[in-house]
Each structure stands twice: as C-alpha cells, then as structure tokens.
Amino acid sequence: MSASTITAPGRGWAGADRPPLSVRLLARVRAHGLDRRLADGAAPYASLLLARRAAVIVGRPVRVELADDLERILMLARTGEPRRLGAVPVRRHEVLVAAEPMRRLIGALRGPGPLAPRGVAIARRLIHDGTTPMYALAPRGAVARAVNDALAHADPRFRRG
C-alpha cells in the first residue's frame, strides 16, 4: 500500500510524492502513539500524521524488521536462552503455542502483497510493547489470539468468519 492509497482524496501532499519534512518528522516523533491509534482502528487517512505513519509501517523496511523480530522471538522461545528480546523476557510457552500463526504472520510481512496498516500496527505493538501477552502475564492463548488478530487485520485472506 503506498501513501497515495492511504490518504483520502484531497488530503495528499499537494501533488508531491513525499509529505513535507515537518509531517515526516512529527510522525516519527509521535510514532508510538500513532501506532497505538492505528492498532486500535483509527482510519489511516484521518490525519496527515496517521497517513504518513501508516505509509511507513506498511513499507518494506518495517515489514522486514518485524518479520525478523518475530523469527528472533520464535528462536528465543525454542532455545530458551537467552529468553529476552530487549529487556523483557519472552513468554516462552505462549510463544511456542502461537508458533504456527506467527509463521503465517512472518510470511505475510515478507510477502509481496499489500498489508493494511492496522494489522501491521498490531504486530508492531505486540513485538515492541512489553505489556503485551508476548511478554506480560496474560490468559492462556493470548499470544496466539493477538497474532491472529494482527494477521486478520493485515491481510483479508486470513480473516476469521
């Protein structure tokens, strides 16, 4: 998905391929909050900042980084040592239970097709927020549910009926 498919008609960058520097910088500074809003279902075209952030997170570099992070988390869960990605311990058993949906999410992130910003934002939050079920105490199956949620919102082919 390109920035032009994310922005609403008439809300683009005045014909430019890239938004103004001020929008790019502010979207970077507010990335965490914008990601949270996108993950919670905010429309990517609701503001220039959301549109910019959505365009960034569905881009190839972020998708590859997230896929790499998920593969590293799976490896940490399989080997058990070290059990950390960053400073927070990975919930090893829950990650192993969620291994198959994680592999599908990795495939979607690495794949050539477009992904919706909400699903990518959910995946990013799951990986990078220490309060998510990937790291914090949560009910059984919470990691698998969160990964499936990210996948369903990222790629309509994985929507549950």
C-alpha atoms as a PDB file:
ATOM      1  CA  MET A   1       0.000   0.000   0.000  1.00  0.00           C
ATOM      2  CA  SER A   2       1.507   3.333  -0.957  1.00  0.00           C
ATOM      3  CA  ALA A   3       0.940   6.677   0.697  1.00  0.00           C
ATOM      4  CA  SER A   4      -1.366   7.605  -2.157  1.00  0.00           C
ATOM      5  CA  THR A   5      -3.680   4.686  -1.389  1.00  0.00           C
ATOM      6  CA  ILE A   6      -3.733   5.555   2.289  1.00  0.00           C
ATOM      7  CA  THR A   7      -4.541   9.252   2.103  1.00  0.00           C
ATOM      8  CA  ALA A   8      -8.104  10.309   1.475  1.00  0.00           C
ATOM      9  CA  PRO A   9      -8.929  12.146  -1.745  1.00  0.00           C
ATOM     10  CA  GLY A  10      -7.850  15.754  -1.475  1.00  0.00           C
ATOM     11  CA  ARG A  11      -5.721  15.037   1.617  1.00  0.00           C
ATOM     12  CA  GLY A  12      -2.484  14.144  -0.136  1.00  0.00           C
ATOM     13  CA  TRP A  13       0.773  16.018  -0.240  1.00  0.00           C
ATOM     14  CA  ALA A  14      -0.264  18.730  -2.736  1.00  0.00           C
ATOM     15  CA  GLY A  15       0.900  16.601  -5.654  1.00  0.00           C
ATOM     16  CA  ALA A  16       4.255  15.703  -4.113  1.00  0.00           C
ATOM     17  CA  ASP A  17       5.382  12.111  -3.754  1.00  0.00           C
ATOM     18  CA  ARG A  18       6.526  12.742  -0.177  1.00  0.00           C
ATOM     19  CA  PRO A  19       4.901  14.700   2.634  1.00  0.00           C
ATOM     20  CA  PRO A  20       6.574  17.852   3.921  1.00  0.00           C
ATOM     21  CA  LEU A  21       9.570  17.411   6.220  1.00  0.00           C
ATOM     22  CA  SER A  22       7.561  18.712   9.184  1.00  0.00           C
ATOM     23  CA  VAL A  23       4.961  15.950   8.740  1.00  0.00           C
ATOM     24  CA  ARG A  24       7.642  13.269   8.350  1.00  0.00           C
ATOM     25  CA  LEU A  25       9.482  14.415  11.485  1.00  0.00           C
ATOM     26  CA  LEU A  26       6.363  14.777  13.612  1.00  0.00           C
ATOM     27  CA  ALA A  27       5.108  11.345  12.521  1.00  0.00           C
ATOM     28  CA  ARG A  28       8.458   9.868  13.560  1.00  0.00           C
ATOM     29  CA  VAL A  29       8.445  11.628  16.944  1.00  0.00           C
ATOM     30  CA  ARG A  30       4.851  10.524  17.616  1.00  0.00           C
ATOM     31  CA  ALA A  31       5.313   7.026  16.139  1.00  0.00           C
ATOM     32  CA  HIS A  32       4.354   5.132  19.304  1.00  0.00           C
ATOM     33  CA  GLY A  33       1.076   6.997  19.777  1.00  0.00           C
ATOM     34  CA  LEU A  34       0.237   6.884  16.082  1.00  0.00           C
ATOM     35  CA  ASP A  35       0.911   3.138  16.015  1.00  0.00           C
ATOM     36  CA  ARG A  36      -1.397   2.698  19.002  1.00  0.00           C
ATOM     37  CA  ARG A  37      -4.149   4.665  17.267  1.00  0.00           C
ATOM     38  CA  LEU A  38      -3.743   2.656  14.056  1.00  0.00           C
ATOM     39  CA  ALA A  39      -3.761  -0.626  16.005  1.00  0.00           C
ATOM     40  CA  ASP A  40      -6.932   0.482  17.769  1.00  0.00           C
ATOM     41  CA  GLY A  41      -8.639   1.051  14.416  1.00  0.00           C
ATOM     42  CA  ALA A  42      -8.105   4.735  13.570  1.00  0.00           C
ATOM     43  CA  ALA A  43      -8.537   5.392   9.872  1.00  0.00           C
ATOM     44  CA  PRO A  44      -5.111   5.945   8.288  1.00  0.00           C
ATOM     45  CA  TYR A  45      -6.488   8.861   6.281  1.00  0.00           C
ATOM     46  CA  ALA A  46      -7.969  10.609   9.345  1.00  0.00           C
ATOM     47  CA  SER A  47      -4.948  12.924   9.510  1.00  0.00           C
ATOM     48  CA  LEU A  48      -1.753  13.629   7.642  1.00  0.00           C
ATOM     49  CA  LEU A  49       0.251  12.202  10.550  1.00  0.00           C
ATOM     50  CA  LEU A  50      -1.705   8.939  10.591  1.00  0.00           C
ATOM     51  CA  ALA A  51      -1.411   8.693   6.813  1.00  0.00           C
ATOM     52  CA  ARG A  52       2.342   9.195   6.973  1.00  0.00           C
ATOM     53  CA  ARG A  53       2.808   6.685   9.788  1.00  0.00           C
ATOM     54  CA  ALA A  54       0.595   4.148   8.018  1.00  0.00           C
ATOM     55  CA  ALA A  55       2.655   4.552   4.837  1.00  0.00           C
ATOM     56  CA  VAL A  56       5.863   3.979   6.800  1.00  0.00           C
ATOM     57  CA  ILE A  57       4.759   0.871   8.683  1.00  0.00           C
ATOM     58  CA  VAL A  58       3.380  -0.909   5.627  1.00  0.00           C
ATOM     59  CA  GLY A  59       6.619  -0.223   3.755  1.00  0.00           C
ATOM     60  CA  ARG A  60       9.120  -2.978   3.058  1.00  0.00           C
ATOM     61  CA  PRO A  61      11.790  -1.916   5.638  1.00  0.00           C
ATOM     62  CA  VAL A  62       9.400  -2.011   8.619  1.00  0.00           C
ATOM     63  CA  ARG A  63       7.759  -5.229   7.441  1.00  0.00           C
ATOM     64  CA  VAL A  64      11.153  -6.956   7.125  1.00  0.00           C
ATOM     65  CA  GLU A  65      12.195  -5.672  10.560  1.00  0.00           C
ATOM     66  CA  LEU A  66       9.000  -7.013  12.145  1.00  0.00           C
ATOM     67  CA  ALA A  67       9.365 -10.388  10.411  1.00  0.00           C
ATOM     68  CA  ASP A  68      12.977 -10.593  11.631  1.00  0.00           C
ATOM     69  CA  ASP A  69      11.860  -9.728  15.175  1.00  0.00           C
ATOM     70  CA  LEU A  70       9.167 -12.426  15.115  1.00  0.00           C
ATOM     71  CA  GLU A  71      11.676 -15.005  13.879  1.00  0.00           C
ATOM     72  CA  ARG A  72      14.060 -13.990  16.677  1.00  0.00           C
ATOM     73  CA  ILE A  73      11.256 -14.317  19.248  1.00  0.00           C
ATOM     74  CA  LEU A  74      10.442 -17.821  17.961  1.00  0.00           C
ATOM     75  CA  MET A  75      14.113 -18.766  18.146  1.00  0.00           C
ATOM     76  CA  LEU A  76      14.381 -17.435  21.708  1.00  0.00           C
ATOM     77  CA  ALA A  77      11.306 -19.423  22.705  1.00  0.00           C
ATOM     78  CA  ARG A  78      12.648 -22.630  21.118  1.00  0.00           C
ATOM     79  CA  THR A  79      16.131 -22.408  22.618  1.00  0.00           C
ATOM     80  CA  GLY A  80      15.141 -20.843  25.920  1.00  0.00           C
ATOM     81  CA  GLU A  81      18.492 -18.995  26.206  1.00  0.00           C
ATOM     82  CA  PRO A  82      18.645 -16.096  26.293  1.00  0.00           C
ATOM     83  CA  ARG A  83      14.948 -15.543  26.891  1.00  0.00           C
ATOM     84  CA  ARG A  84      14.933 -11.849  26.085  1.00  0.00           C
ATOM     85  CA  LEU A  85      14.301  -9.623  23.128  1.00  0.00           C
ATOM     86  CA  GLY A  86      15.440  -6.335  24.557  1.00  0.00           C
ATOM     87  CA  ALA A  87      14.950  -6.089  28.301  1.00  0.00           C
ATOM     88  CA  VAL A  88      11.695  -8.024  28.733  1.00  0.00           C
ATOM     89  CA  PRO A  89      11.572 -11.842  28.962  1.00  0.00           C
ATOM     90  CA  VAL A  90       9.619 -13.622  26.246  1.00  0.00           C
ATOM     91  CA  ARG A  91       6.761 -15.845  27.479  1.00  0.00           C
ATOM     92  CA  ARG A  92       8.310 -18.968  26.063  1.00  0.00           C
ATOM     93  CA  HIS A  93       5.412 -21.443  26.346  1.00  0.00           C
ATOM     94  CA  GLU A  94       2.838 -18.986  24.968  1.00  0.00           C
ATOM     95  CA  VAL A  95       5.098 -18.092  22.040  1.00  0.00           C
ATOM     96  CA  LEU A  96       5.611 -21.767  21.204  1.00  0.00           C
ATOM     97  CA  VAL A  97       1.839 -22.336  21.280  1.00  0.00           C
ATOM     98  CA  ALA A  98       1.497 -19.433  18.828  1.00  0.00           C
ATOM     99  CA  ALA A  99       4.312 -20.612  16.532  1.00  0.00           C
ATOM    100  CA  GLU A 100       2.103 -21.519  13.554  1.00  0.00           C
ATOM    101  CA  PRO A 101       0.162 -18.227  13.400  1.00  0.00           C
ATOM    102  CA  MET A 102       3.470 -16.406  13.942  1.00  0.00           C
ATOM    103  CA  ARG A 103       4.916 -18.177  10.892  1.00  0.00           C
ATOM    104  CA  ARG A 104       1.872 -17.139   8.843  1.00  0.00           C
ATOM    105  CA  LEU A 105       2.311 -13.535  10.022  1.00  0.00           C
ATOM    106  CA  ILE A 106       6.011 -13.661   9.144  1.00  0.00           C
ATOM    107  CA  GLY A 107       5.058 -14.914   5.672  1.00  0.00           C
ATOM    108  CA  ALA A 108       2.547 -12.112   5.198  1.00  0.00           C
ATOM    109  CA  LEU A 109       5.072  -9.496   6.343  1.00  0.00           C
ATOM    110  CA  ARG A 110       7.729 -10.863   3.986  1.00  0.00           C
ATOM    111  CA  GLY A 111       5.263 -11.372   1.137  1.00  0.00           C
ATOM    112  CA  PRO A 112       4.852  -9.080  -1.844  1.00  0.00           C
ATOM    113  CA  GLY A 113       1.208  -8.215  -1.283  1.00  0.00           C
ATOM    114  CA  PRO A 114      -0.102  -5.064   0.341  1.00  0.00           C
ATOM    115  CA  LEU A 115      -0.937  -5.173   4.032  1.00  0.00           C
ATOM    116  CA  ALA A 116      -3.372  -2.982   5.930  1.00  0.00           C
ATOM    117  CA  PRO A 117      -1.803  -0.552   8.410  1.00  0.00           C
ATOM    118  CA  ARG A 118      -3.964  -1.699  11.320  1.00  0.00           C
ATOM    119  CA  GLY A 119      -2.656  -5.256  11.227  1.00  0.00           C
ATOM    120  CA  VAL A 120       0.954  -4.157  10.895  1.00  0.00           C
ATOM    121  CA  ALA A 121       0.473  -1.719  13.797  1.00  0.00           C
ATOM    122  CA  ILE A 122      -0.992  -4.535  15.925  1.00  0.00           C
ATOM    123  CA  ALA A 123       2.018  -6.736  15.109  1.00  0.00           C
ATOM    124  CA  ARG A 124       4.445  -3.909  15.863  1.00  0.00           C
ATOM    125  CA  ARG A 125       2.773  -3.219  19.191  1.00  0.00           C
ATOM    126  CA  LEU A 126       2.767  -6.919  20.091  1.00  0.00           C
ATOM    127  CA  ILE A 127       6.502  -7.142  19.440  1.00  0.00           C
ATOM    128  CA  HIS A 128       7.676  -3.827  20.877  1.00  0.00           C
ATOM    129  CA  ASP A 129       5.361  -3.227  23.836  1.00  0.00           C
ATOM    130  CA  GLY A 130       6.439  -5.063  26.991  1.00  0.00           C
ATOM    131  CA  THR A 131       2.879  -5.014  28.339  1.00  0.00           C
ATOM    132  CA  THR A 132       1.510  -7.263  25.562  1.00  0.00           C
ATOM    133  CA  PRO A 133       0.883 -11.012  26.004  1.00  0.00           C
ATOM    134  CA  MET A 134       4.208 -11.731  24.249  1.00  0.00           C
ATOM    135  CA  TYR A 135       5.943 -10.648  27.461  1.00  0.00           C
ATOM    136  CA  ALA A 136       3.419  -9.875  30.217  1.00  0.00           C
ATOM    137  CA  LEU A 137       1.279 -12.320  32.149  1.00  0.00           C
ATOM    138  CA  ALA A 138      -1.938 -12.951  30.218  1.00  0.00           C
ATOM    139  CA  PRO A 139      -4.530 -15.704  29.853  1.00  0.00           C
ATOM    140  CA  ARG A 140      -3.504 -18.856  28.005  1.00  0.00           C
ATOM    141  CA  GLY A 141      -3.681 -18.478  24.267  1.00  0.00           C
ATOM    142  CA  ALA A 142      -3.436 -14.675  24.396  1.00  0.00           C
ATOM    143  CA  VAL A 143      -0.315 -14.568  22.209  1.00  0.00           C
ATOM    144  CA  ALA A 144      -1.928 -16.751  19.542  1.00  0.00           C
ATOM    145  CA  ARG A 145      -5.098 -14.615  19.640  1.00  0.00           C
ATOM    146  CA  ALA A 146      -3.062 -11.406  19.319  1.00  0.00           C
ATOM    147  CA  VAL A 147      -1.016 -12.780  16.420  1.00  0.00           C
ATOM    148  CA  ASN A 148      -4.180 -13.996  14.669  1.00  0.00           C
ATOM    149  CA  ASP A 149      -5.731 -10.558  15.241  1.00  0.00           C
ATOM    150  CA  ALA A 150      -2.716  -8.872  13.643  1.00  0.00           C
ATOM    151  CA  LEU A 151      -2.849 -11.280  10.723  1.00  0.00           C
ATOM    152  CA  ALA A 152      -6.605 -10.871  10.201  1.00  0.00           C
ATOM    153  CA  HIS A 153      -6.324  -7.078  10.181  1.00  0.00           C
ATOM    154  CA  ALA A 154      -3.198  -7.046   7.996  1.00  0.00           C
ATOM    155  CA  ASP A 155      -4.372  -9.376   5.261  1.00  0.00           C
ATOM    156  CA  PRO A 156      -8.053 -10.053   4.473  1.00  0.00           C
ATOM    157  CA  ARG A 157      -7.203 -13.601   3.328  1.00  0.00           C
ATOM    158  CA  PHE A 158      -6.709 -14.502   6.992  1.00  0.00           C
ATOM    159  CA  ARG A 159      -9.967 -13.051   8.302  1.00  0.00           C
ATOM    160  CA  ARG A 160     -11.948 -15.331  10.515  1.00  0.00           C
ATOM    161  CA  GLY A 161     -15.530 -15.878   9.554  1.00  0.00           C
END
